Amino acid sequence: MHQGAVEPVTLHGACHCGSVKFKVRLHHGLASARRCTCSYCAMRGAVAVSARIDGLEIIDGADALATYSFNTGIAQHHFCRNCGIYTHHQRRSNPDELGVNVACLDGLSPFDFAEVPVLDGQNHPNDREDGRTLRLGTLRFIRGSH
């Protein structure tokens, strides 16, 4: 699967321990991959891809999910209460959209992306007069020789 492809794709995923299993439809495929610089995302360090709020189905382990929210309380960050891995979150910038942790998706890794846009979460678009999301830079992964 090409990371720049924008065709919708349906993938399966799970947390690290396998307690939480899900299916997700990414409406822009893997082309929506991004990182964020808000205080929480900067510490979490995940690469997230986008799905519509109704595009995620928890197949198993809904009872193992816990939620963390801060500041405005709009963003809802979901993680497995057993292994602690972040699986997905409801976005503050668009509450009808989810960010899904690429590392939880079957057959994918954050290191499959040569470049990932880094968006300005410190100056959130909902807090800006113009409502724009600012791209601060690009996170690059350059594979070393073995």
N, C-alpha and C. Protein backbone atom coordinates (compact mmCIF):
# COMPACT_ATOMS: atom_id res chain seq x y z
N MET A 1 0.85 -1.17 0.00
CA MET A 1 0.00 0.00 0.00
C MET A 1 0.90 1.24 0.00
N HIS A 2 0.65 2.13 -0.90
CA HIS A 2 1.46 3.34 -1.04
C HIS A 2 1.00 4.40 -0.06
N GLN A 3 1.94 5.00 0.67
CA GLN A 3 1.59 5.97 1.71
C GLN A 3 0.96 7.24 1.16
N GLY A 4 1.19 7.58 -0.11
CA GLY A 4 0.62 8.79 -0.67
C GLY A 4 -0.73 8.58 -1.33
N ALA A 5 -1.19 7.32 -1.42
CA ALA A 5 -2.46 7.02 -2.06
C ALA A 5 -3.61 7.62 -1.26
N VAL A 6 -4.55 8.25 -1.95
CA VAL A 6 -5.67 8.89 -1.28
C VAL A 6 -6.97 8.10 -1.40
N GLU A 7 -6.91 6.91 -1.96
CA GLU A 7 -8.11 6.08 -2.06
C GLU A 7 -8.47 5.56 -0.67
N PRO A 8 -9.78 5.47 -0.38
CA PRO A 8 -10.18 4.90 0.91
C PRO A 8 -9.68 3.46 1.04
N VAL A 9 -9.35 3.09 2.26
CA VAL A 9 -8.86 1.74 2.54
C VAL A 9 -9.39 1.31 3.90
N THR A 10 -9.73 0.02 4.03
CA THR A 10 -10.18 -0.53 5.29
C THR A 10 -9.09 -1.44 5.84
N LEU A 11 -8.71 -1.22 7.10
CA LEU A 11 -7.64 -1.98 7.74
C LEU A 11 -8.10 -2.47 9.10
N HIS A 12 -7.43 -3.49 9.59
CA HIS A 12 -7.66 -3.98 10.95
C HIS A 12 -6.51 -3.52 11.83
N GLY A 13 -6.79 -3.43 13.11
CA GLY A 13 -5.75 -3.00 14.04
C GLY A 13 -6.01 -3.52 15.43
N ALA A 14 -5.02 -3.32 16.30
CA ALA A 14 -5.13 -3.75 17.68
C ALA A 14 -4.11 -2.99 18.52
N CYS A 15 -4.33 -3.01 19.82
CA CYS A 15 -3.34 -2.47 20.75
C CYS A 15 -2.20 -3.47 20.89
N HIS A 16 -1.21 -3.16 21.68
CA HIS A 16 -0.03 -4.02 21.84
C HIS A 16 -0.36 -5.41 22.40
N CYS A 17 -1.21 -5.46 23.43
CA CYS A 17 -1.52 -6.74 24.07
C CYS A 17 -2.63 -7.51 23.36
N GLY A 18 -3.31 -6.85 22.42
CA GLY A 18 -4.38 -7.52 21.67
C GLY A 18 -5.74 -7.49 22.34
N SER A 19 -5.85 -6.82 23.47
CA SER A 19 -7.15 -6.72 24.15
C SER A 19 -8.16 -5.93 23.32
N VAL A 20 -7.70 -4.87 22.66
CA VAL A 20 -8.56 -4.02 21.83
C VAL A 20 -8.29 -4.34 20.37
N LYS A 21 -9.33 -4.77 19.67
CA LYS A 21 -9.23 -5.05 18.24
C LYS A 21 -10.25 -4.19 17.52
N PHE A 22 -9.87 -3.65 16.37
CA PHE A 22 -10.78 -2.78 15.64
C PHE A 22 -10.59 -2.89 14.14
N LYS A 23 -11.58 -2.36 13.44
CA LYS A 23 -11.53 -2.22 11.98
C LYS A 23 -11.77 -0.75 11.68
N VAL A 24 -11.01 -0.20 10.74
CA VAL A 24 -11.16 1.22 10.44
C VAL A 24 -11.12 1.46 8.94
N ARG A 25 -11.95 2.37 8.50
CA ARG A 25 -11.94 2.81 7.10
C ARG A 25 -11.30 4.19 7.06
N LEU A 26 -10.14 4.27 6.41
CA LEU A 26 -9.42 5.54 6.28
C LEU A 26 -9.90 6.20 4.99
N HIS A 27 -10.64 7.28 5.11
CA HIS A 27 -11.28 7.89 3.95
C HIS A 27 -10.30 8.52 2.96
N HIS A 28 -9.08 8.80 3.38
CA HIS A 28 -8.05 9.30 2.47
C HIS A 28 -6.85 8.36 2.45
N GLY A 29 -7.08 7.10 2.74
CA GLY A 29 -5.99 6.14 2.77
C GLY A 29 -4.91 6.57 3.74
N LEU A 30 -3.67 6.33 3.38
CA LEU A 30 -2.55 6.68 4.25
C LEU A 30 -2.01 8.08 3.99
N ALA A 31 -2.58 8.78 3.01
CA ALA A 31 -2.11 10.12 2.66
C ALA A 31 -2.34 11.14 3.78
N SER A 32 -3.19 10.81 4.74
CA SER A 32 -3.50 11.74 5.82
C SER A 32 -2.53 11.63 7.00
N ALA A 33 -1.49 10.81 6.88
CA ALA A 33 -0.54 10.62 7.98
C ALA A 33 0.05 11.96 8.43
N ARG A 34 0.14 12.12 9.76
CA ARG A 34 0.66 13.37 10.31
C ARG A 34 1.10 13.20 11.75
N ARG A 35 1.89 14.15 12.19
CA ARG A 35 2.27 14.30 13.60
C ARG A 35 1.77 15.66 14.05
N CYS A 36 1.67 15.85 15.36
CA CYS A 36 1.17 17.10 15.93
C CYS A 36 2.09 17.53 17.05
N THR A 37 2.18 18.84 17.27
CA THR A 37 3.06 19.38 18.31
C THR A 37 2.33 19.83 19.57
N CYS A 38 1.04 19.50 19.71
CA CYS A 38 0.37 19.89 20.97
C CYS A 38 1.08 19.18 22.12
N SER A 39 0.83 19.61 23.33
CA SER A 39 1.55 19.07 24.48
C SER A 39 1.38 17.57 24.62
N TYR A 40 0.21 17.04 24.33
CA TYR A 40 -0.03 15.61 24.47
C TYR A 40 0.59 14.81 23.33
N CYS A 41 0.35 15.22 22.11
CA CYS A 41 0.90 14.50 20.95
C CYS A 41 2.42 14.53 20.93
N ALA A 42 3.01 15.64 21.33
CA ALA A 42 4.47 15.73 21.34
C ALA A 42 5.06 14.68 22.29
N MET A 43 4.40 14.43 23.41
CA MET A 43 4.88 13.42 24.34
C MET A 43 4.56 12.01 23.87
N ARG A 44 3.44 11.86 23.18
CA ARG A 44 3.00 10.54 22.72
C ARG A 44 3.81 10.09 21.51
N GLY A 45 4.09 10.99 20.59
CA GLY A 45 4.97 10.70 19.47
C GLY A 45 4.41 9.81 18.38
N ALA A 46 3.11 9.64 18.30
CA ALA A 46 2.52 8.75 17.31
C ALA A 46 2.31 9.43 15.96
N VAL A 47 2.32 8.63 14.91
CA VAL A 47 1.88 9.07 13.60
C VAL A 47 0.41 8.65 13.50
N ALA A 48 -0.46 9.58 13.13
CA ALA A 48 -1.89 9.29 13.05
C ALA A 48 -2.39 9.48 11.62
N VAL A 49 -3.37 8.65 11.24
CA VAL A 49 -4.07 8.78 9.96
C VAL A 49 -5.54 9.05 10.28
N SER A 50 -6.27 9.55 9.30
CA SER A 50 -7.63 10.03 9.53
C SER A 50 -8.72 9.05 9.12
N ALA A 51 -9.77 9.02 9.95
CA ALA A 51 -10.98 8.27 9.66
C ALA A 51 -12.17 9.12 10.10
N ARG A 52 -13.29 8.92 9.46
CA ARG A 52 -14.50 9.59 9.94
C ARG A 52 -14.93 8.93 11.25
N ILE A 53 -15.68 9.65 12.05
CA ILE A 53 -16.08 9.17 13.37
C ILE A 53 -16.82 7.83 13.27
N ASP A 54 -17.59 7.64 12.19
CA ASP A 54 -18.32 6.38 12.02
C ASP A 54 -17.50 5.34 11.25
N GLY A 55 -16.23 5.63 10.98
CA GLY A 55 -15.38 4.73 10.22
C GLY A 55 -14.61 3.74 11.07
N LEU A 56 -14.77 3.79 12.38
CA LEU A 56 -14.05 2.88 13.29
C LEU A 56 -15.05 1.97 13.98
N GLU A 57 -14.77 0.68 13.93
CA GLU A 57 -15.60 -0.30 14.62
C GLU A 57 -14.72 -1.08 15.59
N ILE A 58 -15.07 -1.03 16.87
CA ILE A 58 -14.36 -1.83 17.87
C ILE A 58 -14.92 -3.25 17.76
N ILE A 59 -14.07 -4.19 17.38
CA ILE A 59 -14.48 -5.58 17.18
C ILE A 59 -14.44 -6.33 18.51
N ASP A 60 -13.45 -6.02 19.33
CA ASP A 60 -13.29 -6.71 20.60
C ASP A 60 -12.57 -5.78 21.58
N GLY A 61 -12.95 -5.84 22.84
CA GLY A 61 -12.22 -5.12 23.87
C GLY A 61 -12.67 -3.71 24.15
N ALA A 62 -13.89 -3.36 23.79
CA ALA A 62 -14.38 -2.00 24.09
C ALA A 62 -14.27 -1.71 25.59
N ASP A 63 -14.45 -2.75 26.41
CA ASP A 63 -14.36 -2.57 27.86
C ASP A 63 -12.93 -2.35 28.34
N ALA A 64 -11.95 -2.63 27.48
CA ALA A 64 -10.54 -2.41 27.83
C ALA A 64 -10.07 -1.01 27.47
N LEU A 65 -10.90 -0.25 26.76
CA LEU A 65 -10.52 1.11 26.37
C LEU A 65 -10.76 2.10 27.50
N ALA A 66 -9.81 2.97 27.70
CA ALA A 66 -9.95 4.10 28.62
C ALA A 66 -9.80 5.37 27.80
N THR A 67 -10.23 6.48 28.36
CA THR A 67 -10.20 7.75 27.63
C THR A 67 -9.52 8.82 28.47
N TYR A 68 -8.70 9.63 27.80
CA TYR A 68 -8.05 10.77 28.44
C TYR A 68 -8.43 12.02 27.66
N SER A 69 -8.77 13.06 28.40
CA SER A 69 -9.12 14.34 27.80
C SER A 69 -8.53 15.45 28.66
N PHE A 70 -8.18 16.57 28.04
CA PHE A 70 -7.61 17.68 28.79
C PHE A 70 -8.01 18.99 28.13
N ASN A 71 -7.61 20.10 28.71
CA ASN A 71 -7.85 21.45 28.19
C ASN A 71 -9.33 21.65 27.89
N THR A 72 -9.72 21.76 26.62
CA THR A 72 -11.12 22.04 26.27
C THR A 72 -12.01 20.82 26.45
N GLY A 73 -11.43 19.63 26.52
CA GLY A 73 -12.21 18.41 26.69
C GLY A 73 -12.83 17.88 25.41
N ILE A 74 -12.61 18.56 24.30
CA ILE A 74 -13.21 18.13 23.03
C ILE A 74 -12.50 16.89 22.49
N ALA A 75 -11.19 16.90 22.46
CA ALA A 75 -10.44 15.74 21.98
C ALA A 75 -10.54 14.63 23.02
N GLN A 76 -10.83 13.44 22.56
CA GLN A 76 -10.95 12.26 23.40
C GLN A 76 -9.90 11.25 22.96
N HIS A 77 -8.89 11.02 23.78
CA HIS A 77 -7.78 10.13 23.44
C HIS A 77 -8.03 8.76 24.07
N HIS A 78 -8.13 7.73 23.23
CA HIS A 78 -8.47 6.39 23.69
C HIS A 78 -7.24 5.49 23.71
N PHE A 79 -7.12 4.71 24.76
CA PHE A 79 -5.97 3.82 24.91
C PHE A 79 -6.40 2.57 25.66
N CYS A 80 -5.62 1.51 25.50
CA CYS A 80 -5.90 0.25 26.18
C CYS A 80 -5.50 0.38 27.64
N ARG A 81 -6.41 0.07 28.53
CA ARG A 81 -6.11 0.16 29.97
C ARG A 81 -5.19 -0.96 30.43
N ASN A 82 -4.96 -1.99 29.60
CA ASN A 82 -4.07 -3.09 29.97
C ASN A 82 -2.62 -2.80 29.57
N CYS A 83 -2.39 -2.45 28.29
CA CYS A 83 -1.01 -2.23 27.84
C CYS A 83 -0.66 -0.75 27.71
N GLY A 84 -1.66 0.13 27.75
CA GLY A 84 -1.41 1.57 27.71
C GLY A 84 -1.25 2.17 26.32
N ILE A 85 -1.37 1.37 25.28
CA ILE A 85 -1.15 1.88 23.92
C ILE A 85 -2.33 2.70 23.43
N TYR A 86 -2.03 3.89 22.91
CA TYR A 86 -3.01 4.78 22.28
C TYR A 86 -3.45 4.16 20.96
N THR A 87 -4.74 3.96 20.79
CA THR A 87 -5.27 3.39 19.56
C THR A 87 -5.84 4.45 18.62
N HIS A 88 -6.57 5.42 19.19
CA HIS A 88 -7.22 6.44 18.35
C HIS A 88 -7.69 7.60 19.22
N HIS A 89 -8.04 8.68 18.56
CA HIS A 89 -8.61 9.82 19.29
C HIS A 89 -9.61 10.56 18.43
N GLN A 90 -10.57 11.18 19.08
CA GLN A 90 -11.50 12.08 18.41
C GLN A 90 -10.83 13.44 18.38
N ARG A 91 -10.76 14.05 17.22
CA ARG A 91 -10.00 15.28 17.05
C ARG A 91 -10.75 16.51 17.55
N ARG A 92 -9.99 17.43 18.12
CA ARG A 92 -10.54 18.73 18.52
C ARG A 92 -10.78 19.58 17.28
N SER A 93 -9.87 19.52 16.32
CA SER A 93 -9.98 20.36 15.13
C SER A 93 -11.18 19.97 14.27
N ASN A 94 -11.59 18.70 14.34
CA ASN A 94 -12.76 18.22 13.62
C ASN A 94 -13.34 17.06 14.43
N PRO A 95 -14.28 17.33 15.33
CA PRO A 95 -14.84 16.28 16.19
C PRO A 95 -15.56 15.17 15.42
N ASP A 96 -15.80 15.34 14.13
CA ASP A 96 -16.41 14.29 13.30
C ASP A 96 -15.34 13.37 12.71
N GLU A 97 -14.09 13.57 13.13
CA GLU A 97 -12.98 12.82 12.57
C GLU A 97 -12.14 12.21 13.69
N LEU A 98 -11.54 11.07 13.38
CA LEU A 98 -10.64 10.39 14.30
C LEU A 98 -9.23 10.42 13.77
N GLY A 99 -8.28 10.44 14.67
CA GLY A 99 -6.90 10.15 14.36
C GLY A 99 -6.64 8.73 14.84
N VAL A 100 -6.05 7.90 13.99
CA VAL A 100 -5.81 6.50 14.33
C VAL A 100 -4.31 6.25 14.32
N ASN A 101 -3.81 5.61 15.37
CA ASN A 101 -2.40 5.32 15.52
C ASN A 101 -1.94 4.32 14.46
N VAL A 102 -1.08 4.76 13.55
CA VAL A 102 -0.55 3.92 12.48
C VAL A 102 0.10 2.65 13.04
N ALA A 103 0.78 2.76 14.17
CA ALA A 103 1.49 1.63 14.75
C ALA A 103 0.55 0.51 15.18
N CYS A 104 -0.73 0.80 15.34
CA CYS A 104 -1.71 -0.21 15.73
C CYS A 104 -2.32 -0.92 14.52
N LEU A 105 -2.07 -0.44 13.32
CA LEU A 105 -2.68 -1.01 12.13
C LEU A 105 -1.87 -2.20 11.62
N ASP A 106 -2.55 -3.29 11.31
CA ASP A 106 -1.90 -4.51 10.86
C ASP A 106 -0.99 -4.25 9.66
N GLY A 107 0.25 -4.67 9.79
CA GLY A 107 1.21 -4.59 8.69
C GLY A 107 1.82 -3.23 8.47
N LEU A 108 1.54 -2.26 9.35
CA LEU A 108 2.08 -0.91 9.19
C LEU A 108 2.93 -0.51 10.39
N SER A 109 3.81 0.43 10.14
CA SER A 109 4.67 0.98 11.17
C SER A 109 4.88 2.45 10.86
N PRO A 110 5.12 3.29 11.87
CA PRO A 110 5.43 4.69 11.60
C PRO A 110 6.69 4.82 10.74
N PHE A 111 7.53 3.79 10.75
CA PHE A 111 8.78 3.82 9.99
C PHE A 111 8.59 3.43 8.53
N ASP A 112 7.35 3.14 8.13
CA ASP A 112 7.03 2.90 6.72
C ASP A 112 6.89 4.22 5.95
N PHE A 113 6.84 5.33 6.66
CA PHE A 113 6.64 6.64 6.06
C PHE A 113 7.97 7.38 6.00
N ALA A 114 8.44 7.64 4.80
CA ALA A 114 9.71 8.36 4.65
C ALA A 114 9.59 9.78 5.18
N GLU A 115 8.42 10.40 4.98
CA GLU A 115 8.18 11.76 5.45
C GLU A 115 6.77 11.87 6.02
N VAL A 116 6.67 12.56 7.14
CA VAL A 116 5.38 12.79 7.78
C VAL A 116 5.26 14.27 8.10
N PRO A 117 4.20 14.93 7.62
CA PRO A 117 3.99 16.34 7.96
C PRO A 117 3.82 16.51 9.47
N VAL A 118 4.38 17.60 10.00
CA VAL A 118 4.24 17.93 11.41
C VAL A 118 3.40 19.20 11.49
N LEU A 119 2.23 19.08 12.14
CA LEU A 119 1.29 20.20 12.22
C LEU A 119 1.41 20.90 13.57
N ASP A 120 1.14 22.20 13.55
CA ASP A 120 1.27 23.04 14.73
C ASP A 120 0.08 22.86 15.66
N GLY A 121 0.26 22.05 16.69
CA GLY A 121 -0.79 21.85 17.69
C GLY A 121 -0.68 22.82 18.85
N GLN A 122 0.44 23.53 18.94
CA GLN A 122 0.59 24.55 19.99
C GLN A 122 -0.27 25.77 19.68
N ASN A 123 -0.44 26.04 18.39
CA ASN A 123 -1.31 27.14 17.94
C ASN A 123 -2.46 26.49 17.17
N HIS A 124 -3.35 25.87 17.91
CA HIS A 124 -4.43 25.06 17.36
C HIS A 124 -5.31 25.88 16.42
N PRO A 125 -5.74 25.28 15.30
CA PRO A 125 -6.58 26.02 14.35
C PRO A 125 -7.86 26.56 14.98
N ASN A 126 -8.41 25.86 15.98
CA ASN A 126 -9.63 26.35 16.64
C ASN A 126 -9.37 27.57 17.51
N ASP A 127 -8.10 27.86 17.80
CA ASP A 127 -7.74 29.02 18.60
C ASP A 127 -7.25 30.18 17.75
N ARG A 128 -7.13 29.96 16.46
CA ARG A 128 -6.63 30.99 15.54
C ARG A 128 -7.81 31.71 14.88
N GLU A 129 -7.66 33.01 14.68
CA GLU A 129 -8.72 33.78 14.02
C GLU A 129 -9.00 33.28 12.62
N ASP A 130 -7.94 32.91 11.89
CA ASP A 130 -8.13 32.46 10.50
C ASP A 130 -8.49 30.97 10.41
N GLY A 131 -8.44 30.22 11.53
CA GLY A 131 -8.81 28.82 11.55
C GLY A 131 -7.88 27.88 10.79
N ARG A 132 -6.74 28.39 10.36
CA ARG A 132 -5.82 27.59 9.54
C ARG A 132 -5.00 26.63 10.40
N THR A 133 -4.72 25.47 9.80
CA THR A 133 -3.78 24.53 10.39
C THR A 133 -2.42 24.83 9.78
N LEU A 134 -1.44 25.06 10.62
CA LEU A 134 -0.11 25.40 10.13
C LEU A 134 0.78 24.16 10.12
N ARG A 135 1.48 23.98 9.02
CA ARG A 135 2.46 22.91 8.92
C ARG A 135 3.81 23.49 9.34
N LEU A 136 4.38 22.92 10.40
CA LEU A 136 5.64 23.42 10.94
C LEU A 136 6.86 22.82 10.25
N GLY A 137 6.68 21.63 9.73
CA GLY A 137 7.83 20.96 9.12
C GLY A 137 7.50 19.55 8.72
N THR A 138 8.54 18.76 8.57
CA THR A 138 8.42 17.39 8.12
C THR A 138 9.33 16.50 8.96
N LEU A 139 8.77 15.41 9.45
CA LEU A 139 9.56 14.41 10.16
C LEU A 139 10.01 13.39 9.12
N ARG A 140 11.32 13.15 9.05
CA ARG A 140 11.86 12.23 8.05
C ARG A 140 12.45 10.99 8.72
N PHE A 141 12.24 9.86 8.06
CA PHE A 141 12.87 8.62 8.48
C PHE A 141 13.76 8.16 7.33
N ILE A 142 15.03 8.11 7.61
CA ILE A 142 16.00 7.68 6.59
C ILE A 142 16.55 6.35 7.07
N ARG A 143 16.21 5.31 6.33
CA ARG A 143 16.63 3.96 6.70
C ARG A 143 18.13 3.81 6.52
N GLY A 144 18.78 3.30 7.53
CA GLY A 144 20.23 3.09 7.46
C GLY A 144 20.57 1.80 6.72
N SER A 145 21.82 1.68 6.35
CA SER A 145 22.26 0.45 5.68
C SER A 145 22.53 -0.59 6.75
N HIS A 146 22.36 -1.81 6.39
CA HIS A 146 22.52 -2.92 7.36
C HIS A 146 23.92 -3.44 7.34
